[in-house]
């Protein structure tokens, strides 16, 4: 797994590099100190995961993530920051980043990178507890106007609860293949990219 580290504190960069290189199957392909370098290094190196701070001089981590994901929607970005700022969390979710961890949680960094590399979405415990409250809005959404069936709406709610395809298949008495088909249809109808965006969409319109 090839990683790029971006943080405006060179001491943090060096510490992360030591931690990651001590882990099996992790190669630090490059490091940088601001968002502009993050964009440039991502384009050049195409790392498996980009590990990036948020608050940096010049282009910050969120804006860099937005630019990278606009160019490559499949980019795997894990934000690592000192701040569990509500606005940051909502923006990170809406942009489609794959994870958001607090720097204090160093022990979780390597497992989180491994999970993100395999396509999972990872948020620290403190972050997860905030997400439903942050994304809830007062207005409801007319799913029928988008031709969402009751069965598809049930799937949406289960995705929002964080269930895997296998768990959803068990709840809905369907095969995993059928669940995947339902999910693809729902994403297409709502114009969304992946299950993370679907969960965000659900909470925003609950």
N, C-alpha and C. Protein backbone atom coordinates (compact mmCIF):
# COMPACT_ATOMS: atom_id res chain seq x y z
N UNK A 1 0.85 -1.19 0.00
CA UNK A 1 0.00 0.00 0.00
C UNK A 1 0.89 1.24 0.00
N UNK A 2 0.71 2.10 -1.01
CA UNK A 2 1.52 3.31 -1.14
C UNK A 2 0.74 4.51 -0.58
N UNK A 3 1.41 5.25 0.30
CA UNK A 3 0.78 6.35 1.02
C UNK A 3 1.50 7.66 0.73
N UNK A 4 0.75 8.75 0.65
CA UNK A 4 1.33 10.10 0.64
C UNK A 4 0.85 10.81 1.91
N UNK A 5 1.77 11.44 2.62
CA UNK A 5 1.45 12.16 3.87
C UNK A 5 1.54 13.67 3.62
N UNK A 6 0.49 14.39 4.03
CA UNK A 6 0.48 15.85 3.90
C UNK A 6 0.15 16.47 5.26
N UNK A 7 1.06 17.29 5.79
CA UNK A 7 0.82 17.99 7.05
C UNK A 7 1.77 19.18 7.10
N UNK A 8 1.27 20.34 7.56
CA UNK A 8 2.13 21.52 7.56
C UNK A 8 3.13 21.54 8.72
N UNK A 9 3.03 20.56 9.62
CA UNK A 9 4.00 20.42 10.71
C UNK A 9 4.97 19.31 10.35
N UNK A 10 6.22 19.68 10.05
CA UNK A 10 7.19 18.70 9.58
C UNK A 10 7.48 17.63 10.64
N UNK A 11 7.34 17.99 11.92
CA UNK A 11 7.53 17.00 12.98
C UNK A 11 6.45 15.92 12.92
N UNK A 12 5.23 16.35 12.64
CA UNK A 12 4.12 15.39 12.50
C UNK A 12 4.36 14.50 11.28
N UNK A 13 4.80 15.11 10.18
CA UNK A 13 5.11 14.34 8.97
C UNK A 13 6.14 13.25 9.28
N UNK A 14 7.21 13.64 9.96
CA UNK A 14 8.27 12.68 10.27
C UNK A 14 7.79 11.58 11.21
N UNK A 15 6.98 11.96 12.21
CA UNK A 15 6.44 10.98 13.15
C UNK A 15 5.53 9.98 12.43
N UNK A 16 4.66 10.50 11.56
CA UNK A 16 3.76 9.63 10.81
C UNK A 16 4.55 8.70 9.88
N UNK A 17 5.59 9.24 9.26
CA UNK A 17 6.41 8.44 8.35
C UNK A 17 7.05 7.27 9.09
N UNK A 18 7.56 7.54 10.30
CA UNK A 18 8.17 6.48 11.12
C UNK A 18 7.14 5.43 11.50
N UNK A 19 5.97 5.89 11.96
CA UNK A 19 4.90 4.97 12.37
C UNK A 19 4.46 4.08 11.21
N UNK A 20 4.26 4.70 10.05
CA UNK A 20 3.74 3.95 8.91
C UNK A 20 4.78 3.00 8.32
N UNK A 21 6.01 3.47 8.24
CA UNK A 21 7.04 2.62 7.64
C UNK A 21 7.39 1.44 8.54
N UNK A 22 7.03 1.53 9.82
CA UNK A 22 7.26 0.41 10.74
C UNK A 22 6.20 -0.68 10.55
N UNK A 23 5.11 -0.32 9.87
CA UNK A 23 4.03 -1.28 9.64
C UNK A 23 4.32 -2.08 8.37
N UNK A 24 3.91 -3.33 8.37
CA UNK A 24 4.07 -4.17 7.18
C UNK A 24 3.16 -3.66 6.07
N UNK A 25 3.61 -3.81 4.85
CA UNK A 25 2.82 -3.51 3.66
C UNK A 25 2.49 -2.03 3.48
N UNK A 26 3.25 -1.15 4.13
CA UNK A 26 3.03 0.29 3.96
C UNK A 26 4.29 0.93 3.42
N UNK A 27 4.15 1.66 2.32
CA UNK A 27 5.26 2.41 1.75
C UNK A 27 4.87 3.88 1.66
N UNK A 28 5.69 4.76 2.26
CA UNK A 28 5.44 6.19 2.16
C UNK A 28 6.08 6.67 0.86
N UNK A 29 5.23 6.91 -0.13
CA UNK A 29 5.72 7.26 -1.46
C UNK A 29 6.11 8.73 -1.58
N UNK A 30 5.55 9.58 -0.70
CA UNK A 30 5.86 11.00 -0.77
C UNK A 30 5.28 11.75 0.40
N UNK A 31 5.81 12.95 0.67
CA UNK A 31 5.30 13.79 1.75
C UNK A 31 5.20 15.23 1.25
N UNK A 32 4.31 16.00 1.87
CA UNK A 32 4.15 17.41 1.51
C UNK A 32 3.65 18.19 2.69
N UNK A 33 3.60 19.52 2.56
CA UNK A 33 3.26 20.37 3.70
C UNK A 33 2.06 21.29 3.46
N UNK A 34 1.40 21.18 2.31
CA UNK A 34 0.19 21.99 2.11
C UNK A 34 -0.71 21.35 1.04
N UNK A 35 -1.90 21.94 0.88
CA UNK A 35 -2.88 21.36 -0.03
C UNK A 35 -2.44 21.36 -1.48
N UNK A 36 -1.73 22.41 -1.89
CA UNK A 36 -1.26 22.46 -3.28
C UNK A 36 -0.31 21.30 -3.56
N UNK A 37 0.58 21.00 -2.60
CA UNK A 37 1.48 19.86 -2.76
C UNK A 37 0.70 18.55 -2.79
N UNK A 38 -0.37 18.49 -2.00
CA UNK A 38 -1.20 17.28 -1.97
C UNK A 38 -1.77 17.00 -3.35
N UNK A 39 -2.31 18.02 -3.98
CA UNK A 39 -2.89 17.86 -5.32
C UNK A 39 -1.83 17.43 -6.32
N UNK A 40 -0.68 18.10 -6.27
CA UNK A 40 0.41 17.79 -7.19
C UNK A 40 0.95 16.39 -6.98
N UNK A 41 1.17 16.01 -5.72
CA UNK A 41 1.72 14.68 -5.41
C UNK A 41 0.71 13.58 -5.77
N UNK A 42 -0.58 13.86 -5.55
CA UNK A 42 -1.58 12.86 -5.91
C UNK A 42 -1.57 12.61 -7.42
N UNK A 43 -1.53 13.70 -8.18
CA UNK A 43 -1.51 13.55 -9.64
C UNK A 43 -0.28 12.77 -10.11
N UNK A 44 0.86 13.04 -9.48
CA UNK A 44 2.12 12.43 -9.91
C UNK A 44 2.27 11.00 -9.44
N UNK A 45 1.95 10.76 -8.16
CA UNK A 45 2.24 9.47 -7.54
C UNK A 45 1.06 8.50 -7.53
N UNK A 46 -0.15 9.02 -7.62
CA UNK A 46 -1.37 8.18 -7.56
C UNK A 46 -1.29 7.18 -6.40
N UNK A 47 -1.17 7.67 -5.16
CA UNK A 47 -1.05 6.75 -4.02
C UNK A 47 -2.33 5.96 -3.79
N UNK A 48 -2.21 4.85 -3.08
CA UNK A 48 -3.40 4.08 -2.72
C UNK A 48 -4.27 4.87 -1.73
N UNK A 49 -3.61 5.58 -0.82
CA UNK A 49 -4.33 6.41 0.15
C UNK A 49 -3.55 7.71 0.36
N UNK A 50 -4.28 8.83 0.43
CA UNK A 50 -3.68 10.12 0.76
C UNK A 50 -4.08 10.45 2.19
N UNK A 51 -3.08 10.57 3.07
CA UNK A 51 -3.29 10.89 4.49
C UNK A 51 -2.98 12.38 4.66
N UNK A 52 -3.98 13.17 5.05
CA UNK A 52 -3.82 14.62 4.95
C UNK A 52 -4.43 15.37 6.13
N UNK A 53 -3.70 16.39 6.58
CA UNK A 53 -4.19 17.33 7.59
C UNK A 53 -5.24 18.24 6.94
N UNK A 54 -6.01 18.94 7.78
CA UNK A 54 -7.01 19.87 7.25
C UNK A 54 -6.53 21.31 7.30
N UNK A 55 -6.18 21.79 8.47
CA UNK A 55 -5.77 23.19 8.61
C UNK A 55 -4.32 23.37 8.19
N UNK A 56 -4.14 23.99 7.02
CA UNK A 56 -2.79 24.24 6.50
C UNK A 56 -2.79 25.59 5.80
N UNK A 57 -1.65 26.24 5.74
CA UNK A 57 -1.53 27.52 5.05
C UNK A 57 -1.79 27.32 3.56
N UNK A 58 -2.30 28.36 2.92
CA UNK A 58 -2.59 28.25 1.50
C UNK A 58 -3.83 27.40 1.30
N UNK A 59 -3.73 26.42 0.41
CA UNK A 59 -4.85 25.52 0.14
C UNK A 59 -4.99 24.52 1.29
N UNK A 60 -6.15 24.55 1.97
CA UNK A 60 -6.31 23.63 3.11
C UNK A 60 -6.66 22.21 2.64
N UNK A 61 -6.69 21.30 3.60
CA UNK A 61 -6.90 19.90 3.26
C UNK A 61 -8.26 19.60 2.65
N UNK A 62 -9.31 20.28 3.12
CA UNK A 62 -10.65 20.05 2.58
C UNK A 62 -10.74 20.51 1.13
N UNK A 63 -10.20 21.69 0.84
CA UNK A 63 -10.24 22.19 -0.53
C UNK A 63 -9.38 21.34 -1.46
N UNK A 64 -8.25 20.86 -0.93
CA UNK A 64 -7.40 19.97 -1.73
C UNK A 64 -8.13 18.66 -2.01
N UNK A 65 -8.82 18.14 -1.00
CA UNK A 65 -9.58 16.90 -1.18
C UNK A 65 -10.67 17.09 -2.23
N UNK A 66 -11.36 18.23 -2.17
CA UNK A 66 -12.43 18.52 -3.13
C UNK A 66 -11.88 18.53 -4.55
N UNK A 67 -10.70 19.17 -4.73
CA UNK A 67 -10.10 19.25 -6.06
C UNK A 67 -9.66 17.88 -6.56
N UNK A 68 -9.05 17.11 -5.68
CA UNK A 68 -8.58 15.77 -6.06
C UNK A 68 -9.76 14.87 -6.43
N UNK A 69 -10.81 14.91 -5.63
CA UNK A 69 -11.98 14.05 -5.87
C UNK A 69 -12.75 14.49 -7.11
N UNK A 70 -12.66 15.76 -7.46
CA UNK A 70 -13.29 16.22 -8.70
C UNK A 70 -12.56 15.61 -9.91
N UNK A 71 -11.23 15.52 -9.80
CA UNK A 71 -10.44 14.94 -10.88
C UNK A 71 -10.50 13.42 -10.88
N UNK A 72 -10.53 12.83 -9.68
CA UNK A 72 -10.53 11.38 -9.54
C UNK A 72 -11.51 10.98 -8.44
N UNK A 73 -12.79 10.72 -8.80
CA UNK A 73 -13.80 10.37 -7.79
C UNK A 73 -13.47 9.12 -6.99
N UNK A 74 -12.53 8.30 -7.49
CA UNK A 74 -12.17 7.07 -6.78
C UNK A 74 -11.03 7.28 -5.79
N UNK A 75 -10.53 8.50 -5.68
CA UNK A 75 -9.41 8.78 -4.78
C UNK A 75 -9.78 8.42 -3.34
N UNK A 76 -8.84 7.80 -2.64
CA UNK A 76 -9.06 7.41 -1.25
C UNK A 76 -8.29 8.39 -0.35
N UNK A 77 -9.03 9.24 0.33
CA UNK A 77 -8.43 10.28 1.16
C UNK A 77 -8.85 10.09 2.62
N UNK A 78 -7.87 10.06 3.51
CA UNK A 78 -8.11 9.95 4.94
C UNK A 78 -7.61 11.24 5.59
N UNK A 79 -8.53 12.00 6.17
CA UNK A 79 -8.17 13.25 6.83
C UNK A 79 -7.77 12.98 8.28
N UNK A 80 -6.68 13.58 8.68
CA UNK A 80 -6.16 13.40 10.03
C UNK A 80 -5.96 14.79 10.62
N UNK A 81 -6.71 15.13 11.67
CA UNK A 81 -6.69 16.50 12.16
C UNK A 81 -6.82 16.56 13.67
N UNK A 82 -6.45 17.69 14.22
CA UNK A 82 -6.59 17.92 15.66
C UNK A 82 -8.01 18.34 16.01
N UNK A 83 -8.77 18.75 15.00
CA UNK A 83 -10.06 19.39 15.26
C UNK A 83 -11.24 18.53 14.81
N UNK A 84 -12.21 18.32 15.73
CA UNK A 84 -13.45 17.64 15.35
C UNK A 84 -14.52 18.70 15.07
N UNK A 85 -14.16 19.67 14.24
CA UNK A 85 -15.02 20.78 13.90
C UNK A 85 -16.23 20.30 13.10
N UNK A 86 -17.43 20.68 13.53
CA UNK A 86 -18.66 20.19 12.89
C UNK A 86 -18.70 20.52 11.40
N UNK A 87 -18.32 21.75 11.05
CA UNK A 87 -18.35 22.16 9.65
C UNK A 87 -17.38 21.34 8.81
N UNK A 88 -16.22 21.04 9.37
CA UNK A 88 -15.24 20.21 8.66
C UNK A 88 -15.81 18.83 8.37
N UNK A 89 -16.47 18.26 9.38
CA UNK A 89 -16.99 16.89 9.24
C UNK A 89 -18.03 16.84 8.12
N UNK A 90 -18.96 17.80 8.11
CA UNK A 90 -20.01 17.81 7.10
C UNK A 90 -19.41 17.99 5.70
N UNK A 91 -18.46 18.91 5.58
CA UNK A 91 -17.83 19.12 4.27
C UNK A 91 -17.09 17.86 3.82
N UNK A 92 -16.37 17.23 4.74
CA UNK A 92 -15.62 16.02 4.40
C UNK A 92 -16.56 14.94 3.88
N UNK A 93 -17.69 14.76 4.54
CA UNK A 93 -18.67 13.76 4.11
C UNK A 93 -19.23 14.10 2.74
N UNK A 94 -19.59 15.35 2.55
CA UNK A 94 -20.18 15.77 1.27
C UNK A 94 -19.19 15.67 0.12
N UNK A 95 -17.92 15.93 0.39
CA UNK A 95 -16.90 15.83 -0.67
C UNK A 95 -16.62 14.39 -1.04
N UNK A 96 -16.88 13.45 -0.12
CA UNK A 96 -16.65 12.05 -0.42
C UNK A 96 -15.33 11.49 0.08
N UNK A 97 -14.73 12.14 1.10
CA UNK A 97 -13.49 11.57 1.65
C UNK A 97 -13.83 10.25 2.33
N UNK A 98 -12.83 9.37 2.43
CA UNK A 98 -13.07 8.02 2.94
C UNK A 98 -12.88 7.89 4.44
N UNK A 99 -12.35 8.95 5.09
CA UNK A 99 -12.17 8.83 6.52
C UNK A 99 -11.79 10.15 7.16
N UNK A 100 -12.01 10.22 8.48
CA UNK A 100 -11.73 11.43 9.24
C UNK A 100 -11.35 10.98 10.64
N UNK A 101 -10.07 11.13 10.99
CA UNK A 101 -9.57 10.72 12.30
C UNK A 101 -8.95 11.90 13.03
N UNK A 102 -8.99 11.84 14.36
CA UNK A 102 -8.31 12.84 15.16
C UNK A 102 -6.86 12.41 15.40
N UNK A 103 -5.95 13.38 15.41
CA UNK A 103 -4.53 13.06 15.55
C UNK A 103 -4.22 12.37 16.87
N UNK A 104 -5.04 12.61 17.88
CA UNK A 104 -4.79 11.98 19.18
C UNK A 104 -4.92 10.46 19.09
N UNK A 105 -5.58 9.98 18.05
CA UNK A 105 -5.89 8.56 17.93
C UNK A 105 -4.85 7.86 17.04
N UNK A 106 -3.56 8.02 17.39
CA UNK A 106 -2.48 7.49 16.54
C UNK A 106 -2.56 5.97 16.34
N UNK A 107 -3.03 5.25 17.36
CA UNK A 107 -3.08 3.79 17.26
C UNK A 107 -4.03 3.32 16.17
N UNK A 108 -4.97 4.17 15.79
CA UNK A 108 -5.97 3.77 14.79
C UNK A 108 -5.55 4.09 13.36
N UNK A 109 -4.43 4.81 13.19
CA UNK A 109 -4.08 5.29 11.86
C UNK A 109 -3.81 4.15 10.88
N UNK A 110 -2.94 3.21 11.26
CA UNK A 110 -2.60 2.12 10.34
C UNK A 110 -3.82 1.26 10.02
N UNK A 111 -4.62 0.82 11.02
CA UNK A 111 -5.83 0.06 10.69
C UNK A 111 -6.79 0.86 9.80
N UNK A 112 -6.88 2.17 10.05
CA UNK A 112 -7.78 3.01 9.25
C UNK A 112 -7.29 3.08 7.80
N UNK A 113 -5.98 3.22 7.62
CA UNK A 113 -5.42 3.25 6.27
C UNK A 113 -5.71 1.94 5.53
N UNK A 114 -5.54 0.83 6.23
CA UNK A 114 -5.80 -0.48 5.63
C UNK A 114 -7.27 -0.58 5.20
N UNK A 115 -8.16 -0.12 6.07
CA UNK A 115 -9.59 -0.19 5.76
C UNK A 115 -9.95 0.70 4.57
N UNK A 116 -9.44 1.93 4.57
CA UNK A 116 -9.71 2.86 3.48
C UNK A 116 -9.17 2.31 2.16
N UNK A 117 -8.00 1.68 2.22
CA UNK A 117 -7.39 1.12 1.01
C UNK A 117 -8.27 0.05 0.37
N UNK A 118 -9.05 -0.67 1.20
CA UNK A 118 -9.93 -1.71 0.68
C UNK A 118 -11.32 -1.18 0.34
N UNK A 119 -11.49 0.16 0.41
CA UNK A 119 -12.76 0.75 0.00
C UNK A 119 -13.72 1.06 1.12
N UNK A 120 -13.33 0.79 2.37
CA UNK A 120 -14.22 1.09 3.48
C UNK A 120 -14.14 2.57 3.86
N UNK A 121 -15.15 3.02 4.57
CA UNK A 121 -15.18 4.38 5.08
C UNK A 121 -14.92 4.34 6.58
N UNK A 122 -13.99 5.17 7.06
CA UNK A 122 -13.57 5.11 8.45
C UNK A 122 -13.67 6.48 9.10
N UNK A 123 -14.42 6.54 10.19
CA UNK A 123 -14.50 7.77 10.98
C UNK A 123 -14.26 7.41 12.44
N UNK A 124 -13.50 8.25 13.13
CA UNK A 124 -13.22 8.00 14.54
C UNK A 124 -14.50 7.95 15.36
N UNK A 125 -14.45 7.31 16.51
CA UNK A 125 -15.63 7.12 17.36
C UNK A 125 -16.31 8.45 17.68
N UNK A 126 -15.50 9.46 18.03
CA UNK A 126 -16.06 10.76 18.37
C UNK A 126 -16.77 11.39 17.18
N UNK A 127 -16.23 11.15 15.97
CA UNK A 127 -16.83 11.70 14.75
C UNK A 127 -18.14 11.00 14.43
N UNK A 128 -18.14 9.67 14.51
CA UNK A 128 -19.33 8.89 14.18
C UNK A 128 -20.53 9.32 15.03
N UNK A 129 -20.27 9.58 16.31
CA UNK A 129 -21.36 9.94 17.21
C UNK A 129 -22.02 11.26 16.82
N UNK A 130 -21.29 12.11 16.10
CA UNK A 130 -21.82 13.42 15.70
C UNK A 130 -22.60 13.39 14.39
N UNK A 131 -22.29 12.43 13.52
CA UNK A 131 -22.77 12.49 12.13
C UNK A 131 -24.29 12.59 11.99
N UNK A 132 -25.08 11.69 12.62
CA UNK A 132 -26.53 11.80 12.42
C UNK A 132 -27.08 13.16 12.80
N UNK A 133 -26.64 13.71 13.93
CA UNK A 133 -27.13 15.02 14.38
C UNK A 133 -26.72 16.12 13.41
N UNK A 134 -25.51 16.07 12.92
CA UNK A 134 -25.02 17.12 12.04
C UNK A 134 -25.74 17.15 10.70
N UNK A 135 -26.12 15.97 10.22
CA UNK A 135 -26.68 15.90 8.87
C UNK A 135 -28.19 15.97 8.81
N UNK A 136 -28.84 15.92 9.96
CA UNK A 136 -30.30 15.95 9.95
C UNK A 136 -30.81 17.34 9.61
N UNK A 137 -31.82 17.40 8.78
CA UNK A 137 -32.47 18.66 8.42
C UNK A 137 -33.97 18.52 8.73
N UNK A 138 -34.65 19.62 8.90
CA UNK A 138 -36.07 19.57 9.26
C UNK A 138 -36.93 19.09 8.11
N UNK A 139 -36.61 19.48 6.90
CA UNK A 139 -37.48 19.14 5.79
C UNK A 139 -37.35 17.66 5.39
N UNK A 140 -38.46 17.09 4.91
CA UNK A 140 -38.42 15.71 4.44
C UNK A 140 -38.19 15.71 2.93
N UNK A 141 -37.88 14.55 2.40
CA UNK A 141 -37.56 14.44 0.97
C UNK A 141 -38.56 13.51 0.30
N UNK A 142 -39.03 13.88 -0.87
CA UNK A 142 -40.00 13.09 -1.60
C UNK A 142 -39.27 12.05 -2.46
N UNK A 143 -39.02 10.89 -1.87
CA UNK A 143 -38.31 9.83 -2.60
C UNK A 143 -39.13 9.30 -3.78
N UNK A 144 -40.45 9.35 -3.65
CA UNK A 144 -41.31 8.84 -4.73
C UNK A 144 -41.10 9.64 -6.01
N UNK A 145 -40.80 10.92 -5.87
CA UNK A 145 -40.58 11.76 -7.05
C UNK A 145 -39.36 11.29 -7.84
N UNK A 146 -38.48 10.55 -7.19
CA UNK A 146 -37.30 10.00 -7.86
C UNK A 146 -37.48 8.51 -8.17
N UNK A 147 -38.74 8.06 -8.10
CA UNK A 147 -39.08 6.68 -8.44
C UNK A 147 -38.41 5.68 -7.50
N UNK A 148 -38.21 6.08 -6.25
CA UNK A 148 -37.64 5.17 -5.25
C UNK A 148 -38.79 4.32 -4.67
N UNK A 149 -38.68 3.02 -4.79
CA UNK A 149 -39.72 2.11 -4.30
C UNK A 149 -39.58 1.92 -2.79
N UNK A 150 -40.63 1.42 -2.11
CA UNK A 150 -40.52 1.16 -0.67
C UNK A 150 -39.35 0.22 -0.34
N UNK A 151 -39.12 -0.78 -1.18
CA UNK A 151 -38.03 -1.72 -0.95
C UNK A 151 -36.68 -1.00 -1.05
N UNK A 152 -36.57 -0.11 -2.03
CA UNK A 152 -35.33 0.65 -2.19
C UNK A 152 -35.13 1.62 -1.03
N UNK A 153 -36.22 2.19 -0.52
CA UNK A 153 -36.11 3.10 0.62
C UNK A 153 -35.64 2.33 1.86
N UNK A 154 -36.14 1.12 2.02
CA UNK A 154 -35.69 0.28 3.14
C UNK A 154 -34.19 0.04 3.04
N UNK A 155 -33.72 -0.24 1.83
CA UNK A 155 -32.28 -0.45 1.62
C UNK A 155 -31.50 0.82 1.99
N UNK A 156 -32.00 1.98 1.59
CA UNK A 156 -31.33 3.25 1.90
C UNK A 156 -31.17 3.41 3.41
N UNK A 157 -32.23 3.11 4.16
CA UNK A 157 -32.15 3.27 5.62
C UNK A 157 -31.13 2.32 6.23
N UNK A 158 -31.02 1.12 5.68
CA UNK A 158 -30.07 0.15 6.21
C UNK A 158 -28.64 0.54 5.87
N UNK A 159 -28.44 1.09 4.67
CA UNK A 159 -27.11 1.60 4.30
C UNK A 159 -26.72 2.72 5.25
N UNK A 160 -27.68 3.60 5.56
CA UNK A 160 -27.42 4.74 6.45
C UNK A 160 -27.06 4.28 7.86
N UNK A 161 -27.53 3.09 8.23
CA UNK A 161 -27.20 2.53 9.54
C UNK A 161 -25.82 1.87 9.55
N UNK A 162 -25.18 1.81 8.38
CA UNK A 162 -23.84 1.25 8.30
C UNK A 162 -23.77 -0.24 8.05
N UNK A 163 -24.89 -0.85 7.64
CA UNK A 163 -24.89 -2.29 7.40
C UNK A 163 -24.20 -2.63 6.09
N UNK A 164 -23.55 -3.78 6.06
CA UNK A 164 -22.90 -4.27 4.84
C UNK A 164 -23.94 -4.89 3.92
N UNK A 165 -23.55 -5.18 2.67
CA UNK A 165 -24.48 -5.81 1.74
C UNK A 165 -24.97 -7.15 2.28
N UNK A 166 -24.08 -7.90 2.91
CA UNK A 166 -24.47 -9.20 3.46
C UNK A 166 -25.51 -9.03 4.57
N UNK A 167 -25.28 -8.05 5.45
CA UNK A 167 -26.23 -7.81 6.54
C UNK A 167 -27.57 -7.31 6.00
N UNK A 168 -27.51 -6.46 4.98
CA UNK A 168 -28.75 -5.97 4.38
C UNK A 168 -29.51 -7.12 3.72
N UNK A 169 -28.78 -7.99 3.05
CA UNK A 169 -29.42 -9.16 2.40
C UNK A 169 -30.16 -10.00 3.44
N UNK A 170 -29.55 -10.17 4.61
CA UNK A 170 -30.19 -10.95 5.67
C UNK A 170 -31.44 -10.26 6.20
N UNK A 171 -31.39 -8.95 6.36
CA UNK A 171 -32.54 -8.20 6.88
C UNK A 171 -33.69 -8.19 5.89
N UNK A 172 -33.35 -8.08 4.58
CA UNK A 172 -34.39 -7.92 3.57
C UNK A 172 -34.76 -9.24 2.88
N UNK A 173 -34.13 -10.32 3.32
CA UNK A 173 -34.39 -11.64 2.74
C UNK A 173 -34.15 -11.65 1.23
N UNK A 174 -33.00 -11.09 0.84
CA UNK A 174 -32.59 -11.04 -0.56
C UNK A 174 -31.20 -11.62 -0.69
N UNK A 175 -30.78 -11.92 -1.92
CA UNK A 175 -29.40 -12.33 -2.15
C UNK A 175 -28.51 -11.09 -2.16
N UNK A 176 -27.20 -11.29 -1.92
CA UNK A 176 -26.27 -10.16 -1.96
C UNK A 176 -26.24 -9.52 -3.36
N UNK A 177 -26.37 -10.36 -4.39
CA UNK A 177 -26.40 -9.85 -5.75
C UNK A 177 -27.57 -8.92 -5.99
N UNK A 178 -28.73 -9.29 -5.46
CA UNK A 178 -29.92 -8.45 -5.59
C UNK A 178 -29.74 -7.14 -4.84
N UNK A 179 -29.12 -7.22 -3.66
CA UNK A 179 -28.85 -6.00 -2.88
C UNK A 179 -27.94 -5.07 -3.67
N UNK A 180 -26.90 -5.62 -4.29
CA UNK A 180 -25.99 -4.80 -5.10
C UNK A 180 -26.73 -4.13 -6.25
N UNK A 181 -27.66 -4.88 -6.87
CA UNK A 181 -28.46 -4.31 -7.97
C UNK A 181 -29.36 -3.18 -7.47
N UNK A 182 -30.01 -3.41 -6.33
CA UNK A 182 -30.84 -2.37 -5.72
C UNK A 182 -30.01 -1.12 -5.46
N UNK A 183 -28.82 -1.32 -4.87
CA UNK A 183 -27.96 -0.19 -4.51
C UNK A 183 -27.54 0.59 -5.75
N UNK A 184 -27.16 -0.12 -6.80
CA UNK A 184 -26.77 0.54 -8.06
C UNK A 184 -27.92 1.37 -8.62
N UNK A 185 -29.12 0.80 -8.59
CA UNK A 185 -30.29 1.51 -9.11
C UNK A 185 -30.59 2.77 -8.30
N UNK A 186 -30.49 2.65 -6.97
CA UNK A 186 -30.76 3.79 -6.09
C UNK A 186 -29.75 4.90 -6.34
N UNK A 187 -28.47 4.54 -6.42
CA UNK A 187 -27.43 5.54 -6.65
C UNK A 187 -27.65 6.27 -7.97
N UNK A 188 -28.06 5.51 -8.99
CA UNK A 188 -28.31 6.11 -10.30
C UNK A 188 -29.51 7.06 -10.25
N UNK A 189 -30.58 6.64 -9.59
CA UNK A 189 -31.78 7.46 -9.52
C UNK A 189 -31.52 8.77 -8.78
N UNK A 190 -30.70 8.72 -7.74
CA UNK A 190 -30.44 9.91 -6.93
C UNK A 190 -29.21 10.68 -7.38
N UNK A 191 -28.51 10.15 -8.38
CA UNK A 191 -27.32 10.85 -8.89
C UNK A 191 -26.17 10.87 -7.91
N UNK A 192 -26.02 9.78 -7.14
CA UNK A 192 -24.97 9.70 -6.13
C UNK A 192 -23.88 8.72 -6.57
N UNK A 193 -22.69 8.84 -5.93
CA UNK A 193 -21.53 8.07 -6.38
C UNK A 193 -21.36 6.74 -5.63
N UNK A 194 -21.59 6.75 -4.31
CA UNK A 194 -21.32 5.54 -3.54
C UNK A 194 -22.19 5.50 -2.29
N UNK A 195 -22.04 4.45 -1.50
CA UNK A 195 -22.91 4.25 -0.34
C UNK A 195 -22.66 5.30 0.75
N UNK A 196 -21.45 5.86 0.81
CA UNK A 196 -21.18 6.92 1.78
C UNK A 196 -22.02 8.14 1.46
N UNK A 197 -22.02 8.54 0.18
CA UNK A 197 -22.85 9.68 -0.22
C UNK A 197 -24.33 9.39 -0.01
N UNK A 198 -24.73 8.13 -0.18
CA UNK A 198 -26.13 7.76 0.03
C UNK A 198 -26.52 7.93 1.49
N UNK A 199 -25.63 7.51 2.40
CA UNK A 199 -25.90 7.67 3.83
C UNK A 199 -25.99 9.14 4.20
N UNK A 200 -25.08 9.95 3.67
CA UNK A 200 -25.11 11.39 3.91
C UNK A 200 -26.42 11.99 3.40
N UNK A 201 -26.80 11.59 2.19
CA UNK A 201 -28.03 12.08 1.56
C UNK A 201 -29.24 11.75 2.44
N UNK A 202 -29.27 10.51 2.95
CA UNK A 202 -30.40 10.09 3.80
C UNK A 202 -30.52 10.97 5.03
N UNK A 203 -29.40 11.17 5.74
CA UNK A 203 -29.45 11.97 6.96
C UNK A 203 -29.78 13.44 6.69
N UNK A 204 -29.31 13.94 5.56
CA UNK A 204 -29.61 15.33 5.21
C UNK A 204 -31.09 15.55 4.91
N UNK A 205 -31.76 14.49 4.47
CA UNK A 205 -33.14 14.64 4.05
C UNK A 205 -34.13 13.87 4.94
N UNK A 206 -33.68 13.54 6.15
CA UNK A 206 -34.57 12.82 7.07
C UNK A 206 -35.46 13.82 7.82
